[in-house]
């Protein structure tokens, strides 16, 4: 499903936002590699990840190139957790990240959305209206042994 079509940016970049899971493992791997998040993900791993998220949206150029991706989990009542938000470096600062976040916010309207920004991504989310809660939240993780 197409949810957004927009022309914006320095080069009049045109993109469309889709809310479907029609993303190949190759283009997903290429997008992740472009931002330094690894490479050569297996097709099985990519499809398992995409299938696990109840909500996925992606941005494509008019020629079909994958420029951005977002995923989210939600109980649709009390909590929505953002999975990944990735925009290809060549397409950053053109509204794609904000459009992808708008798709998440529209899908889960009225439900708090929690994000775990890495590094300077914090500033992007703050620009989108996200704030630190009054009570400090820490993120803990554990790599589960196979």
C-alpha atoms as a PDB file:
ATOM      1  CA  UNK A   1       0.000   0.000   0.000  1.00  0.00           C
ATOM      2  CA  UNK A   2       1.293   3.458  -0.940  1.00  0.00           C
ATOM      3  CA  UNK A   3       0.886   5.932   1.897  1.00  0.00           C
ATOM      4  CA  UNK A   4       2.969   8.905   0.897  1.00  0.00           C
ATOM      5  CA  UNK A   5       4.467  10.481  -2.184  1.00  0.00           C
ATOM      6  CA  UNK A   6       6.636  13.539  -1.846  1.00  0.00           C
ATOM      7  CA  UNK A   7       9.130  15.685  -3.707  1.00  0.00           C
ATOM      8  CA  UNK A   8      11.681  17.348  -1.486  1.00  0.00           C
ATOM      9  CA  UNK A   9      15.320  18.129  -0.963  1.00  0.00           C
ATOM     10  CA  UNK A  10      18.284  19.607  -2.678  1.00  0.00           C
ATOM     11  CA  UNK A  11      17.865  17.663  -5.899  1.00  0.00           C
ATOM     12  CA  UNK A  12      14.048  17.636  -6.000  1.00  0.00           C
ATOM     13  CA  UNK A  13      14.233  14.014  -4.865  1.00  0.00           C
ATOM     14  CA  UNK A  14      10.956  12.185  -5.360  1.00  0.00           C
ATOM     15  CA  UNK A  15      10.143   9.210  -3.161  1.00  0.00           C
ATOM     16  CA  UNK A  16       7.189   7.106  -2.140  1.00  0.00           C
ATOM     17  CA  UNK A  17       6.467   5.476   1.208  1.00  0.00           C
ATOM     18  CA  UNK A  18       4.939   1.986   1.143  1.00  0.00           C
ATOM     19  CA  UNK A  19       3.482   0.021   4.054  1.00  0.00           C
ATOM     20  CA  UNK A  20       4.074  -3.489   2.823  1.00  0.00           C
ATOM     21  CA  UNK A  21       6.791  -6.076   3.255  1.00  0.00           C
ATOM     22  CA  UNK A  22       7.878  -6.322  -0.381  1.00  0.00           C
ATOM     23  CA  UNK A  23      11.617  -5.961   0.246  1.00  0.00           C
ATOM     24  CA  UNK A  24      14.241  -8.339  -1.100  1.00  0.00           C
ATOM     25  CA  UNK A  25      17.096  -9.653   1.018  1.00  0.00           C
ATOM     26  CA  UNK A  26      19.612  -8.158  -1.419  1.00  0.00           C
ATOM     27  CA  UNK A  27      18.230  -4.620  -1.246  1.00  0.00           C
ATOM     28  CA  UNK A  28      17.766  -4.861   2.546  1.00  0.00           C
ATOM     29  CA  UNK A  29      21.405  -5.960   2.921  1.00  0.00           C
ATOM     30  CA  UNK A  30      22.560  -3.165   0.636  1.00  0.00           C
ATOM     31  CA  UNK A  31      20.646  -0.542   2.649  1.00  0.00           C
ATOM     32  CA  UNK A  32      22.022  -1.833   5.954  1.00  0.00           C
ATOM     33  CA  UNK A  33      25.549  -1.935   4.557  1.00  0.00           C
ATOM     34  CA  UNK A  34      25.217   1.684   3.366  1.00  0.00           C
ATOM     35  CA  UNK A  35      24.883   2.826   6.994  1.00  0.00           C
ATOM     36  CA  UNK A  36      27.480   0.420   8.404  1.00  0.00           C
ATOM     37  CA  UNK A  37      25.072  -2.102   9.946  1.00  0.00           C
ATOM     38  CA  UNK A  38      26.645  -5.185   8.403  1.00  0.00           C
ATOM     39  CA  UNK A  39      26.291  -6.891   5.077  1.00  0.00           C
ATOM     40  CA  UNK A  40      25.520 -10.176   3.385  1.00  0.00           C
ATOM     41  CA  UNK A  41      22.461 -11.002   5.443  1.00  0.00           C
ATOM     42  CA  UNK A  42      20.977 -14.323   4.356  1.00  0.00           C
ATOM     43  CA  UNK A  43      17.628 -14.263   2.596  1.00  0.00           C
ATOM     44  CA  UNK A  44      16.161 -16.418   5.379  1.00  0.00           C
ATOM     45  CA  UNK A  45      17.351 -14.021   8.105  1.00  0.00           C
ATOM     46  CA  UNK A  46      16.009 -10.941   6.300  1.00  0.00           C
ATOM     47  CA  UNK A  47      12.609 -12.501   5.639  1.00  0.00           C
ATOM     48  CA  UNK A  48      12.368 -13.757   9.234  1.00  0.00           C
ATOM     49  CA  UNK A  49      13.113 -10.271  10.558  1.00  0.00           C
ATOM     50  CA  UNK A  50      10.648  -8.514   8.257  1.00  0.00           C
ATOM     51  CA  UNK A  51       7.936 -11.087   8.970  1.00  0.00           C
ATOM     52  CA  UNK A  52       8.384 -10.693  12.740  1.00  0.00           C
ATOM     53  CA  UNK A  53       7.414  -7.021  12.714  1.00  0.00           C
ATOM     54  CA  UNK A  54       3.680  -6.271  12.599  1.00  0.00           C
ATOM     55  CA  UNK A  55       4.461  -2.965  10.879  1.00  0.00           C
ATOM     56  CA  UNK A  56       7.005  -2.278   8.144  1.00  0.00           C
ATOM     57  CA  UNK A  57       7.244   0.742   5.873  1.00  0.00           C
ATOM     58  CA  UNK A  58       9.841   1.573   3.268  1.00  0.00           C
ATOM     59  CA  UNK A  59      10.792   4.458   1.020  1.00  0.00           C
ATOM     60  CA  UNK A  60      11.527   3.999  -2.655  1.00  0.00           C
ATOM     61  CA  UNK A  61      12.680   6.279  -5.428  1.00  0.00           C
ATOM     62  CA  UNK A  62      10.454   6.598  -8.482  1.00  0.00           C
ATOM     63  CA  UNK A  63      12.738   4.039 -10.142  1.00  0.00           C
ATOM     64  CA  UNK A  64      12.154   1.591  -7.266  1.00  0.00           C
ATOM     65  CA  UNK A  65      15.452   1.916  -5.367  1.00  0.00           C
ATOM     66  CA  UNK A  66      15.134   1.226  -1.618  1.00  0.00           C
ATOM     67  CA  UNK A  67      16.106   4.426   0.198  1.00  0.00           C
ATOM     68  CA  UNK A  68      14.647   3.853   3.652  1.00  0.00           C
ATOM     69  CA  UNK A  69      13.140   1.283   5.994  1.00  0.00           C
ATOM     70  CA  UNK A  70      11.333   1.331   9.341  1.00  0.00           C
ATOM     71  CA  UNK A  71       9.870  -1.448  11.474  1.00  0.00           C
ATOM     72  CA  UNK A  72       7.838  -1.465  14.689  1.00  0.00           C
ATOM     73  CA  UNK A  73       6.196  -3.745  17.246  1.00  0.00           C
ATOM     74  CA  UNK A  74       3.069  -2.624  19.113  1.00  0.00           C
ATOM     75  CA  UNK A  75       0.453  -3.961  21.507  1.00  0.00           C
ATOM     76  CA  UNK A  76      -1.756  -1.207  20.011  1.00  0.00           C
ATOM     77  CA  UNK A  77      -2.705  -0.065  23.510  1.00  0.00           C
ATOM     78  CA  UNK A  78       0.193   0.959  25.754  1.00  0.00           C
ATOM     79  CA  UNK A  79       3.454   0.563  23.866  1.00  0.00           C
ATOM     80  CA  UNK A  80       4.961   0.728  20.399  1.00  0.00           C
ATOM     81  CA  UNK A  81       8.661  -0.072  20.058  1.00  0.00           C
ATOM     82  CA  UNK A  82      10.569   1.082  17.019  1.00  0.00           C
ATOM     83  CA  UNK A  83      12.724  -1.655  15.515  1.00  0.00           C
ATOM     84  CA  UNK A  84      14.988  -0.204  12.827  1.00  0.00           C
ATOM     85  CA  UNK A  85      14.885   3.140  11.086  1.00  0.00           C
ATOM     86  CA  UNK A  86      17.417   3.339   8.260  1.00  0.00           C
ATOM     87  CA  UNK A  87      17.814   5.882   5.469  1.00  0.00           C
ATOM     88  CA  UNK A  88      20.504   5.488   2.806  1.00  0.00           C
ATOM     89  CA  UNK A  89      23.198   8.174   3.291  1.00  0.00           C
ATOM     90  CA  UNK A  90      22.652   9.506  -0.246  1.00  0.00           C
ATOM     91  CA  UNK A  91      18.966  10.095   0.589  1.00  0.00           C
ATOM     92  CA  UNK A  92      19.317  11.549   4.096  1.00  0.00           C
ATOM     93  CA  UNK A  93      18.121  15.056   4.984  1.00  0.00           C
ATOM     94  CA  UNK A  94      15.340  14.950   2.413  1.00  0.00           C
ATOM     95  CA  UNK A  95      12.372  14.109   4.656  1.00  0.00           C
ATOM     96  CA  UNK A  96      12.434  10.334   4.201  1.00  0.00           C
ATOM     97  CA  UNK A  97      13.125   9.529   7.862  1.00  0.00           C
ATOM     98  CA  UNK A  98      10.373  11.886   8.985  1.00  0.00           C
ATOM     99  CA  UNK A  99       7.952  10.406   6.431  1.00  0.00           C
ATOM    100  CA  UNK A 100       8.749   6.877   7.655  1.00  0.00           C
ATOM    101  CA  UNK A 101       8.205   7.952  11.275  1.00  0.00           C
ATOM    102  CA  UNK A 102       4.920   9.606  10.259  1.00  0.00           C
ATOM    103  CA  UNK A 103       3.792   6.266   8.820  1.00  0.00           C
ATOM    104  CA  UNK A 104       4.534   4.573  12.181  1.00  0.00           C
ATOM    105  CA  UNK A 105       2.776   7.355  14.094  1.00  0.00           C
ATOM    106  CA  UNK A 106      -0.277   7.145  11.837  1.00  0.00           C
ATOM    107  CA  UNK A 107      -0.476   3.353  12.176  1.00  0.00           C
ATOM    108  CA  UNK A 108      -0.253   3.486  15.991  1.00  0.00           C
ATOM    109  CA  UNK A 109      -2.045   6.767  16.657  1.00  0.00           C
ATOM    110  CA  UNK A 110      -2.626   7.369  20.372  1.00  0.00           C
ATOM    111  CA  UNK A 111      -0.122   4.711  21.462  1.00  0.00           C
ATOM    112  CA  UNK A 112       3.197   5.858  22.998  1.00  0.00           C
ATOM    113  CA  UNK A 113       6.151   5.151  20.691  1.00  0.00           C
ATOM    114  CA  UNK A 114       9.508   4.305  22.234  1.00  0.00           C
ATOM    115  CA  UNK A 115      12.786   4.612  20.330  1.00  0.00           C
ATOM    116  CA  UNK A 116      16.346   3.598  21.218  1.00  0.00           C
ATOM    117  CA  UNK A 117      18.477   5.995  19.161  1.00  0.00           C
ATOM    118  CA  UNK A 118      22.119   5.171  18.575  1.00  0.00           C
ATOM    119  CA  UNK A 119      24.637   8.014  18.753  1.00  0.00           C
ATOM    120  CA  UNK A 120      23.613  11.187  16.969  1.00  0.00           C
ATOM    121  CA  UNK A 121      20.268   9.686  15.875  1.00  0.00           C
ATOM    122  CA  UNK A 122      18.998  11.158  19.147  1.00  0.00           C
ATOM    123  CA  UNK A 123      18.941  14.587  17.494  1.00  0.00           C
ATOM    124  CA  UNK A 124      16.813  13.338  14.607  1.00  0.00           C
ATOM    125  CA  UNK A 125      14.212  11.932  16.998  1.00  0.00           C
ATOM    126  CA  UNK A 126      14.238  15.104  19.103  1.00  0.00           C
ATOM    127  CA  UNK A 127      13.588  17.097  15.903  1.00  0.00           C
ATOM    128  CA  UNK A 128      10.593  14.795  15.299  1.00  0.00           C
ATOM    129  CA  UNK A 129       9.185  15.695  18.734  1.00  0.00           C
ATOM    130  CA  UNK A 130      10.472  12.769  20.823  1.00  0.00           C
ATOM    131  CA  UNK A 131      11.634  13.604  24.345  1.00  0.00           C
ATOM    132  CA  UNK A 132      13.414  11.875  27.205  1.00  0.00           C
ATOM    133  CA  UNK A 133      10.968  10.866  29.956  1.00  0.00           C
ATOM    134  CA  UNK A 134      11.080  12.567  33.365  1.00  0.00           C
ATOM    135  CA  UNK A 135      12.202   9.267  34.891  1.00  0.00           C
ATOM    136  CA  UNK A 136      15.422   7.904  33.422  1.00  0.00           C
ATOM    137  CA  UNK A 137      15.115   4.804  31.267  1.00  0.00           C
ATOM    138  CA  UNK A 138      18.076   2.538  30.721  1.00  0.00           C
ATOM    139  CA  UNK A 139      18.435   0.015  27.953  1.00  0.00           C
ATOM    140  CA  UNK A 140      19.845  -3.339  29.013  1.00  0.00           C
ATOM    141  CA  UNK A 141      20.489  -6.268  26.719  1.00  0.00           C
ATOM    142  CA  UNK A 142      21.794  -9.786  26.804  1.00  0.00           C
ATOM    143  CA  UNK A 143      23.015 -11.850  23.889  1.00  0.00           C
ATOM    144  CA  UNK A 144      21.162 -15.088  24.271  1.00  0.00           C
ATOM    145  CA  UNK A 145      23.398 -18.135  23.729  1.00  0.00           C
ATOM    146  CA  UNK A 146      22.294 -20.450  20.946  1.00  0.00           C
END
